[in-house]
Protein backbone atom coordinates (compact mmCIF):
# COMPACT_ATOMS: atom_id res chain seq x y z
CA MET A 1 -13.67 0.06 42.41
CA SER A 2 -11.48 3.09 41.68
CA GLN A 3 -9.78 3.72 38.34
CA LYS A 4 -6.38 3.41 40.03
CA SER A 5 -7.25 -0.09 41.25
CA LEU A 6 -8.46 -1.03 37.78
CA TYR A 7 -5.20 0.16 36.20
CA THR A 8 -3.27 -1.95 38.70
CA LEU A 9 -5.35 -5.07 38.00
CA ILE A 10 -5.06 -4.53 34.23
CA PHE A 11 -1.28 -4.17 34.49
CA ILE A 12 -1.04 -7.35 36.60
CA GLY A 13 -3.28 -9.27 34.18
CA PHE A 14 -1.32 -8.07 31.15
CA THR A 15 1.99 -9.00 32.79
CA ILE A 16 0.77 -12.50 33.70
CA ALA A 17 -0.57 -13.00 30.15
CA VAL A 18 2.80 -12.02 28.64
CA ILE A 19 4.73 -14.30 31.00
CA LEU A 20 2.42 -17.25 30.27
CA GLY A 21 2.77 -16.57 26.56
CA LEU A 22 6.57 -16.60 26.73
CA VAL A 23 6.57 -19.77 28.86
CA ASP A 24 4.33 -21.48 26.33
CA TYR A 25 6.26 -20.22 23.27
CA TYR A 26 9.65 -21.39 24.56
CA GLU A 27 8.08 -24.61 25.95
CA VAL A 28 9.47 -23.99 29.43
CA ALA A 29 6.33 -25.58 30.86
CA GLU A 30 3.00 -26.76 29.56
CA ILE A 31 0.32 -24.13 30.10
CA PRO A 32 -3.32 -25.21 29.57
CA ASP A 33 -4.94 -23.12 26.81
CA GLY A 34 -7.89 -22.35 29.06
CA VAL A 35 -5.67 -20.74 31.69
CA HIS A 36 -3.80 -18.50 29.25
CA SER A 37 -6.88 -17.40 27.31
CA GLY A 38 -8.81 -16.95 30.56
CA VAL A 39 -6.22 -14.48 31.88
CA ARG A 40 -6.29 -12.55 28.60
CA TRP A 41 -10.08 -12.31 28.44
CA LEU A 42 -10.34 -11.36 32.11
CA THR A 43 -7.84 -8.55 31.51
CA LEU A 44 -9.87 -7.39 28.50
CA LEU A 45 -13.04 -7.42 30.61
CA LEU A 46 -11.34 -5.16 33.18
CA MET A 47 -10.31 -2.84 30.34
CA VAL A 48 -13.92 -2.64 29.14
CA VAL A 49 -15.03 -1.71 32.66
CA LEU A 50 -12.36 1.01 32.64
CA GLY A 51 -13.72 2.26 29.32
CA PHE A 52 -17.19 2.70 30.81
CA MET A 53 -15.73 4.55 33.77
CA ARG A 54 -13.55 6.94 31.77
CA LYS A 55 -16.10 7.60 28.98
CA SER A 56 -13.31 8.65 26.62
CA LEU A 57 -13.26 7.86 22.90
CA THR A 58 -9.47 7.54 22.93
CA THR A 59 -9.68 5.01 25.77
CA TRP A 60 -12.26 2.97 23.87
CA ILE A 61 -10.11 3.01 20.73
CA VAL A 62 -7.11 1.68 22.67
CA ILE A 63 -9.27 -1.00 24.32
CA SER A 64 -10.71 -2.01 20.95
CA MET A 65 -7.18 -2.51 19.62
CA PHE A 66 -6.47 -5.11 22.32
CA VAL A 67 -9.87 -6.75 21.79
CA GLY A 68 -9.23 -6.90 18.03
CA VAL A 69 -5.86 -8.59 18.49
CA GLU A 70 -7.38 -11.17 20.87
CA LEU A 71 -10.30 -11.90 18.53
CA GLY A 72 -7.96 -12.31 15.58
CA PHE A 73 -5.79 -14.71 17.55
CA SER A 74 -8.51 -16.73 19.32
CA LEU A 75 -11.29 -16.67 16.69
CA PRO A 76 -9.60 -16.31 13.27
CA GLY A 77 -12.53 -17.68 11.27
CA PHE A 78 -14.98 -15.20 12.77
CA SER A 79 -12.46 -12.34 12.69
CA LYS A 80 -11.95 -12.59 8.94
CA GLN A 81 -15.54 -11.40 8.56
CA LEU A 82 -14.98 -8.31 10.72
CA ASN A 83 -13.16 -6.35 8.02
CA VAL A 84 -16.58 -5.04 7.01
CA LEU A 85 -16.59 -2.89 10.17
CA SER A 86 -13.49 -0.96 9.15
CA GLY A 87 -14.83 -0.81 5.59
CA ILE A 88 -18.01 0.91 6.77
CA PHE A 89 -16.02 3.37 8.86
CA LEU A 90 -13.63 4.26 6.05
CA ARG A 91 -16.50 4.80 3.61
CA LEU A 92 -18.18 7.19 6.02
CA ILE A 93 -14.89 9.02 6.60
CA LYS A 94 -14.36 9.44 2.86
CA THR A 95 -17.74 11.13 2.55
CA ILE A 96 -16.54 13.73 5.07
CA ILE A 97 -13.12 14.64 3.68
CA SER A 98 -13.92 16.49 0.44
CA PRO A 99 -16.81 18.70 1.67
CA LEU A 100 -14.91 19.42 4.90
CA ILE A 101 -11.75 20.52 3.06
CA PHE A 102 -13.76 22.57 0.56
CA ALA A 103 -15.81 24.37 3.20
CA THR A 104 -12.97 25.12 5.61
CA LEU A 105 -10.57 26.32 2.91
CA VAL A 106 -13.15 28.55 1.22
CA VAL A 107 -14.08 30.16 4.54
CA GLY A 108 -10.44 30.50 5.57
CA ILE A 109 -9.42 32.23 2.34
CA ALA A 110 -12.50 34.23 1.35
CA ALA A 111 -13.54 35.42 4.82
CA HIS A 112 -10.19 37.10 5.44
CA SER A 113 -9.39 38.03 1.81
CA ASN A 114 -5.64 37.84 2.58
CA LEU A 115 -4.50 36.26 -0.66
CA LYS A 116 -0.82 37.01 -0.04
CA GLN A 117 -0.96 34.90 3.12
CA VAL A 118 -2.27 31.91 1.13
CA GLY A 119 0.76 32.01 -1.17
CA ARG A 120 3.11 32.59 1.77
CA MET A 121 1.68 29.64 3.70
CA GLY A 122 2.02 27.45 0.62
CA LEU A 123 5.71 28.29 0.15
CA LYS A 124 6.51 27.83 3.85
CA ALA A 125 4.63 24.52 4.00
CA ILE A 126 6.36 23.09 0.90
CA LEU A 127 9.79 24.20 2.19
CA TYR A 128 9.14 22.55 5.57
CA PHE A 129 7.77 19.38 3.92
CA GLU A 130 10.82 19.03 1.67
CA ILE A 131 13.37 19.47 4.47
CA VAL A 132 11.70 17.08 6.91
CA THR A 133 10.96 14.31 4.37
CA THR A 134 14.54 14.49 3.08
CA VAL A 135 15.84 13.96 6.63
CA ALA A 136 13.42 11.01 6.94
CA LEU A 137 14.85 9.44 3.77
CA PHE A 138 18.40 9.61 5.14
CA ILE A 139 17.37 8.18 8.53
CA GLY A 140 15.77 5.22 6.75
CA LEU A 141 18.93 4.77 4.69
CA ALA A 142 21.16 4.85 7.77
CA ALA A 143 18.96 2.39 9.69
CA ILE A 144 18.93 -0.34 7.03
CA ASN A 145 22.69 0.00 6.42
CA LEU A 146 23.22 -0.40 10.14
CA THR A 147 21.09 -3.52 10.66
CA LYS A 148 21.53 -5.05 7.15
CA ALA A 149 18.16 -6.77 7.64
CA GLY A 150 18.02 -7.91 4.01
CA GLU A 151 21.20 -9.94 4.26
CA GLY A 152 19.65 -11.95 7.08
CA ALA A 153 16.54 -12.77 5.07
CA GLN A 154 18.13 -14.55 2.11
CA LEU A 155 16.05 -17.70 2.59
CA VAL A 156 12.65 -15.96 2.62
CA GLN A 157 10.34 -17.41 -0.01
CA VAL A 158 7.71 -15.39 -1.83
CA GLU A 159 4.31 -16.91 -1.13
CA THR A 160 1.54 -17.17 -3.72
CA ALA A 161 -0.70 -14.82 -1.73
CA GLN A 162 2.02 -12.18 -1.77
CA VAL A 163 2.48 -12.51 -5.54
CA ASP A 164 -1.28 -12.17 -6.06
CA LYS A 165 -1.47 -9.09 -3.84
CA ALA A 166 1.50 -7.52 -5.62
CA GLY A 167 -0.13 -8.19 -8.98
CA GLN A 168 -3.30 -6.39 -7.89
CA LEU A 169 -1.32 -3.37 -6.70
CA LEU A 170 0.78 -3.21 -9.85
CA LYS A 171 -2.33 -3.19 -12.04
CA GLN A 172 -2.99 0.34 -10.84
CA GLU A 173 -2.43 2.86 -13.58
CA LYS A 174 0.89 4.71 -13.47
CA LYS A 175 0.20 8.43 -13.27
CA ASN A 176 2.05 11.67 -13.78
CA HIS A 177 2.23 13.01 -10.22
CA LEU A 178 2.62 16.64 -11.34
CA LEU A 179 -0.41 16.39 -13.62
CA GLU A 180 -2.45 14.63 -10.95
CA ILE A 181 -2.21 17.65 -8.65
CA PHE A 182 -4.70 19.54 -10.82
CA PRO A 183 -8.36 18.45 -11.09
CA GLU A 184 -10.06 17.95 -14.45
CA ASN A 185 -13.42 17.22 -12.87
CA LEU A 186 -14.40 18.08 -9.31
CA ALA A 187 -16.92 15.26 -9.04
CA LYS A 188 -14.29 12.77 -10.23
CA ALA A 189 -11.73 14.12 -7.74
CA VAL A 190 -14.26 13.75 -4.92
CA ALA A 191 -15.33 10.26 -6.02
CA GLU A 192 -11.72 9.02 -6.28
CA GLY A 193 -10.67 10.62 -3.00
CA GLN A 194 -8.03 12.83 -4.63
CA VAL A 195 -7.40 15.05 -1.60
CA LEU A 196 -4.79 17.26 -3.25
CA GLN A 197 -7.03 17.96 -6.25
CA VAL A 198 -9.83 19.00 -3.90
CA VAL A 199 -7.39 21.29 -2.08
CA VAL A 200 -6.28 22.95 -5.35
CA PHE A 201 -9.89 23.48 -6.48
CA SER A 202 -10.90 24.84 -3.06
CA VAL A 203 -7.96 27.28 -2.94
CA ILE A 204 -8.74 28.66 -6.39
CA PHE A 205 -12.45 28.81 -5.57
CA GLY A 206 -11.70 30.63 -2.30
CA ILE A 207 -9.45 33.13 -4.07
CA ALA A 208 -12.12 33.76 -6.71
CA LEU A 209 -14.75 34.27 -4.01
CA ALA A 210 -12.46 36.65 -2.12
CA MET A 211 -12.21 38.81 -5.26
CA LEU A 212 -15.98 39.45 -5.28
CA ASN A 213 -17.62 42.32 -3.45
CA GLU A 214 -19.21 41.71 -0.05
CA GLU A 215 -22.77 41.52 -1.34
CA LYS A 216 -22.02 38.79 -3.87
CA LYS A 217 -19.73 36.64 -1.75
CA LYS A 218 -21.80 36.77 1.47
CA PRO A 219 -24.33 34.00 0.53
CA MET A 220 -21.59 31.55 -0.50
CA LEU A 221 -19.58 32.32 2.63
CA HIS A 222 -22.62 31.61 4.82
CA PHE A 223 -23.15 28.33 2.97
CA ALA A 224 -19.49 27.29 3.39
CA GLU A 225 -19.50 28.18 7.09
CA GLY A 226 -22.66 26.16 7.66
CA LEU A 227 -21.27 23.24 5.64
CA SER A 228 -18.02 23.14 7.66
CA ASP A 229 -19.94 23.18 10.96
CA VAL A 230 -22.21 20.37 9.76
CA MET A 231 -19.24 18.25 8.59
CA PHE A 232 -17.49 18.63 11.94
CA ARG A 233 -20.66 17.43 13.71
CA PHE A 234 -20.89 14.64 11.11
CA THR A 235 -17.34 13.66 12.10
CA ASP A 236 -18.29 13.51 15.77
CA ILE A 237 -21.15 11.12 14.96
CA VAL A 238 -19.02 8.85 12.76
CA MET A 239 -16.27 8.72 15.39
CA TYR A 240 -18.59 6.84 17.75
CA PHE A 241 -18.18 3.93 15.33
CA ALA A 242 -14.36 4.18 15.38
CA PRO A 243 -13.77 1.62 18.20
CA PHE A 244 -15.74 -1.03 16.27
CA ALA A 245 -13.80 -0.22 13.09
CA VAL A 246 -10.47 -0.41 14.92
CA CYS A 247 -11.40 -3.73 16.49
CA GLY A 248 -12.52 -5.14 13.14
CA ALA A 249 -9.42 -3.95 11.28
CA LEU A 250 -6.97 -5.45 13.76
CA ALA A 251 -8.94 -8.67 14.19
CA TYR A 252 -8.95 -9.15 10.40
CA SER A 253 -5.22 -8.39 10.10
CA ILE A 254 -4.20 -10.81 12.86
CA ALA A 255 -6.55 -13.54 11.57
CA SER A 256 -5.31 -13.14 7.99
CA PHE A 257 -1.57 -12.76 8.54
CA GLY A 258 -1.02 -14.00 12.09
CA PHE A 259 2.25 -13.57 13.96
CA GLU A 260 4.14 -16.26 12.05
CA VAL A 261 5.07 -13.92 9.19
CA LEU A 262 7.23 -11.97 11.63
CA LYS A 263 9.73 -14.80 12.10
CA ASN A 264 11.71 -14.34 8.88
CA LEU A 265 11.24 -10.58 8.51
CA ALA A 266 11.34 -9.60 12.19
CA LEU A 267 14.59 -7.65 11.73
CA LEU A 268 13.06 -5.60 8.89
CA VAL A 269 10.01 -4.71 11.01
CA ALA A 270 12.21 -3.92 14.02
CA THR A 271 14.48 -1.74 11.83
CA LEU A 272 11.52 0.26 10.53
CA TYR A 273 9.95 0.76 13.95
CA GLY A 274 13.32 1.73 15.41
CA ALA A 275 14.05 4.19 12.57
CA LEU A 276 10.61 5.79 12.93
CA LEU A 277 11.15 6.16 16.68
CA VAL A 278 14.54 7.80 16.02
CA PHE A 279 12.88 10.14 13.51
CA ILE A 280 10.29 11.20 16.10
CA LEU A 281 12.84 11.71 18.87
CA ALA A 282 15.63 13.23 16.77
CA VAL A 283 13.58 15.34 14.34
CA LEU A 284 9.98 15.96 15.37
CA VAL A 285 10.60 16.46 19.10
CA PRO A 286 13.45 18.98 18.54
CA ILE A 287 11.21 20.86 16.07
CA GLY A 288 8.62 20.99 18.84
CA PHE A 289 11.15 22.48 21.23
CA ILE A 290 12.28 25.02 18.62
CA ILE A 291 8.74 26.34 18.14
CA LYS A 292 8.08 26.10 21.91
CA LEU A 293 5.29 23.59 21.44
CA ASN A 294 3.02 22.74 24.35
CA PHE A 295 3.65 18.99 24.09
CA ARG A 296 0.93 17.98 26.55
CA LYS A 297 -1.70 19.98 24.68
CA PHE A 298 -0.46 18.69 21.32
CA ILE A 299 -0.43 15.04 22.40
CA ARG A 300 -3.94 15.38 23.79
CA ALA A 301 -5.11 16.81 20.45
CA ILE A 302 -3.56 14.13 18.25
CA SER A 303 -4.12 11.05 20.45
CA GLU A 304 -7.41 10.04 18.80
CA PRO A 305 -6.27 10.59 15.18
CA VAL A 306 -3.01 8.75 15.86
CA ALA A 307 -4.81 5.76 17.45
CA ILE A 308 -7.14 5.57 14.44
CA ALA A 309 -4.26 5.87 11.98
CA PHE A 310 -2.25 3.12 13.71
CA SER A 311 -5.09 0.63 13.97
CA THR A 312 -6.56 1.17 10.47
CA ALA A 313 -3.23 1.89 8.72
CA THR A 314 -5.02 4.60 6.75
CA SER A 315 -4.16 8.28 7.00
CA GLU A 316 -7.52 9.29 5.52
CA ALA A 317 -9.37 7.83 8.48
CA ALA A 318 -7.59 10.23 10.83
CA LEU A 319 -7.88 13.41 8.74
CA PRO A 320 -11.32 14.78 9.80
CA LYS A 321 -10.68 14.24 13.52
CA ALA A 322 -7.17 15.68 13.23
CA MET A 323 -8.57 18.81 11.59
CA GLU A 324 -11.22 19.19 14.26
CA ASN A 325 -8.84 18.63 17.19
CA LEU A 326 -6.15 20.96 15.87
CA GLU A 327 -8.75 23.69 15.46
CA LYS A 328 -9.94 23.09 19.04
CA MET A 329 -6.30 23.33 20.09
CA GLY A 330 -6.28 26.90 18.80
CA ILE A 331 -4.89 26.61 15.26
CA PRO A 332 -6.90 28.87 12.90
CA ARG A 333 -9.22 27.00 10.55
CA LYS A 334 -7.62 28.53 7.44
CA VAL A 335 -4.20 27.13 8.42
CA VAL A 336 -5.49 23.69 9.38
CA ALA A 337 -7.58 23.38 6.22
CA PHE A 338 -4.66 24.31 3.97
CA VAL A 339 -1.60 22.69 5.55
CA LEU A 340 -2.96 19.38 6.87
CA PRO A 341 -4.57 18.07 3.62
CA THR A 342 -1.61 19.31 1.54
CA GLY A 343 0.74 17.44 3.83
CA TYR A 344 -1.11 14.22 3.03
CA SER A 345 0.53 14.32 -0.38
CA PHE A 346 3.80 16.16 0.27
CA ASN A 347 4.72 15.35 3.86
CA LEU A 348 4.46 11.59 4.32
CA ASP A 349 7.39 11.33 6.73
CA GLY A 350 6.80 7.70 7.69
CA SER A 351 6.23 6.55 4.11
CA THR A 352 9.31 8.30 2.71
CA LEU A 353 11.51 6.86 5.47
CA TYR A 354 10.09 3.42 4.72
CA LEU A 355 10.78 3.77 0.99
CA SER A 356 14.52 4.39 1.38
CA LEU A 357 14.78 1.65 4.00
CA ALA A 358 12.75 -0.91 2.01
CA SER A 359 14.57 -0.17 -1.27
CA VAL A 360 17.98 -0.96 0.24
CA PHE A 361 16.45 -3.98 2.03
CA VAL A 362 15.33 -5.42 -1.32
CA ALA A 363 18.81 -4.78 -2.77
CA GLN A 364 20.39 -6.61 0.17
CA LEU A 365 17.88 -9.43 -0.30
CA ALA A 366 18.87 -9.70 -3.98
CA GLY A 367 22.57 -9.72 -3.09
CA VAL A 368 23.19 -6.34 -4.75
CA ASP A 369 25.78 -4.22 -2.97
CA LEU A 370 24.79 -0.59 -3.54
CA THR A 371 27.56 1.99 -3.32
CA PHE A 372 27.04 5.18 -1.33
CA GLY A 373 26.70 7.09 -4.59
CA GLU A 374 24.00 4.73 -5.85
CA GLN A 375 22.11 5.01 -2.56
CA LEU A 376 22.39 8.81 -2.70
CA LEU A 377 21.01 8.84 -6.24
CA MET A 378 18.15 6.61 -5.06
CA VAL A 379 17.34 9.07 -2.26
CA LEU A 380 17.34 11.99 -4.70
CA THR A 381 14.94 10.05 -6.93
CA LEU A 382 12.66 9.21 -4.00
CA MET A 383 12.60 12.89 -3.01
CA LEU A 384 10.66 13.49 -6.22
CA THR A 385 8.71 10.26 -6.76
CA SER A 386 7.40 10.04 -3.20
CA LYS A 387 5.63 13.39 -3.51
CA GLY A 388 2.03 13.55 -4.61
CA VAL A 389 1.29 9.99 -3.48
CA ALA A 390 -1.91 9.64 -1.48
CA GLY A 391 -1.41 8.33 2.05
CA VAL A 392 -3.46 5.18 1.61
CA ARG A 393 -2.51 1.54 2.07
CA GLY A 394 -0.56 0.03 -0.84
CA ALA A 395 0.42 3.29 -2.54
CA THR A 396 4.03 3.12 -1.33
CA PHE A 397 4.45 -0.37 -2.81
CA LEU A 398 4.15 1.02 -6.33
CA ILE A 399 6.93 3.53 -5.65
CA LEU A 400 9.08 0.79 -4.08
CA VAL A 401 8.73 -1.51 -7.11
CA ALA A 402 9.54 1.34 -9.51
CA THR A 403 12.60 2.31 -7.45
CA VAL A 404 14.14 -1.18 -7.27
CA SER A 405 13.39 -1.72 -10.97
CA ASP A 406 15.34 1.46 -11.80
CA MET A 407 18.26 0.02 -9.80
CA GLY A 408 18.22 -3.08 -12.04
CA ILE A 409 16.83 -5.39 -9.36
CA ASP A 410 14.09 -7.95 -10.00
CA PRO A 411 10.93 -6.25 -8.58
CA GLN A 412 9.60 -9.65 -7.48
CA LYS A 413 12.19 -9.52 -4.69
CA ALA A 414 10.05 -6.75 -3.18
CA PHE A 415 7.01 -9.04 -3.00
CA VAL A 416 8.25 -10.74 0.20
CA ILE A 417 7.73 -7.46 2.08
CA LEU A 418 3.97 -7.72 1.57
CA GLY A 419 3.89 -10.47 4.18
CA VAL A 420 4.54 -7.91 6.91
CA ASP A 421 3.40 -4.79 5.06
CA ALA A 422 0.26 -4.38 7.17
CA ILE A 423 2.34 -4.33 10.37
CA MET A 424 4.80 -1.80 8.91
CA ASP A 425 2.01 0.29 7.40
CA MET A 426 0.52 0.85 10.85
CA ALA A 427 3.75 2.46 12.06
CA ARG A 428 4.53 4.58 9.00
CA THR A 429 0.94 5.83 8.76
CA THR A 430 1.06 6.86 12.41
CA VAL A 431 4.23 8.88 11.80
CA ASN A 432 2.62 10.44 8.70
CA VAL A 433 -0.23 11.74 10.84
CA ILE A 434 2.02 12.97 13.68
CA GLY A 435 4.30 14.71 11.18
CA ASN A 436 1.45 16.48 9.41
CA CYS A 437 -0.17 17.62 12.65
CA LEU A 438 3.16 19.05 13.80
CA ALA A 439 3.69 20.71 10.39
CA THR A 440 0.34 22.47 10.78
CA VAL A 441 1.41 23.89 14.15
CA VAL A 442 4.80 24.93 12.72
CA VAL A 443 3.24 26.86 9.83
CA ALA A 444 0.68 28.46 12.17
CA LYS A 445 3.44 29.64 14.49
CA TRP A 446 5.57 30.68 11.51
CA GLU A 447 2.68 32.87 10.36
CA GLY A 448 2.09 34.30 13.83
CA GLU A 449 -1.38 32.75 13.84
CA TYR A 450 -0.98 30.59 16.95
CA SER A 451 0.55 30.89 20.39
CA ASP A 452 0.39 28.60 23.41
CA VAL A 453 0.61 31.59 25.71
CA PRO A 454 -2.83 32.52 27.17
CA GLU A 455 -4.19 35.96 26.27
CA ALA A 456 -4.13 37.11 29.91
CA VAL A 457 -0.41 36.30 30.17
CA LYS A 458 0.42 38.05 26.89
CA ALA A 459 -1.44 41.16 28.01
């Protein structure tokens, strides 16, 4: 059977499954459970066959997402045990991040000894991050004022599970974001996954190494080059486990939260997804056109990291593969190693958009009518407080609670969002990764370090 035939059969099976699901949901007719589930599983089987034919990691990740959703829906008891798969994957990924960032940054800085370029890249990256995240904040603000999703959710009750989850998140120690940029102990920074601290240490280390003479810095440079090559190969090995992790993460999420939580907060979720789509189309795509981005090449490079980010709702999981793919795309290692990890703290486009949107949603839920001036002040506050926050699940909730508390609103009103937070986190994390990958290309082009034009054409 050809791949084209398989695609056709998969599309037909998916369409039939959706129609049967809608007929059953609206009770138009009684559909036997065996028929509906049989169509779904048969479609999944065809997708697995397609995966073996294509032999593509991205294809397998997409297939595993559908399998995970089906497992979570059909076998919730079993699926709640599958979270261990994503846990194993994330632990392995975290072992890669710090040594990979250290090695690539040290080589990028010390091998070229262009210290002025490091400072220039830093200023350009921060300027770009600030402009784009500010636009994201205003898009989120506009979206929630347009849909007024909070006013339609007045009857939503905060469940005990949501209160418990919120309590666990709020127990986290409040930190000074400016102070937390600088490491006090490298081992501690590595152990706690403080990406920005590792970046700061690596930059200073690379500058110090660049200041040595060739004889003294050569051994360390060779070590760093070897370490970066090893960590990229390490990433390739770990990525073979990604489809299982993706399947486990989605199966666990569906089994734990189900689809029922969407009923009361569906408009909030739809508002966020719509606002993020507008941000991509109205901001990121035009930026791509401005820098004359090869969209096909870029999409091919980020497809795997984006699929991982969406399914695991964790930016960290996508970082090593994003670094590797952007370098294969032609972005110099020194630019990728500096801009991409830094963006994980300063360029969380999806998270910042979500924060302005969710803050006004909570105000609407509490019956508080915020004036334009109050909303503008909130955005200015979020411009500062949203920076330096690691792109991991739950981190944005702390900022949200602090923001609504400053507005004089009961922070417990924000707890209802946790019911659909996992679904929203998938979307905002995806946009975080897309935004940071694009930022890396922008800075590379800004520095004259990357061009999509082949050498033969330029000559």
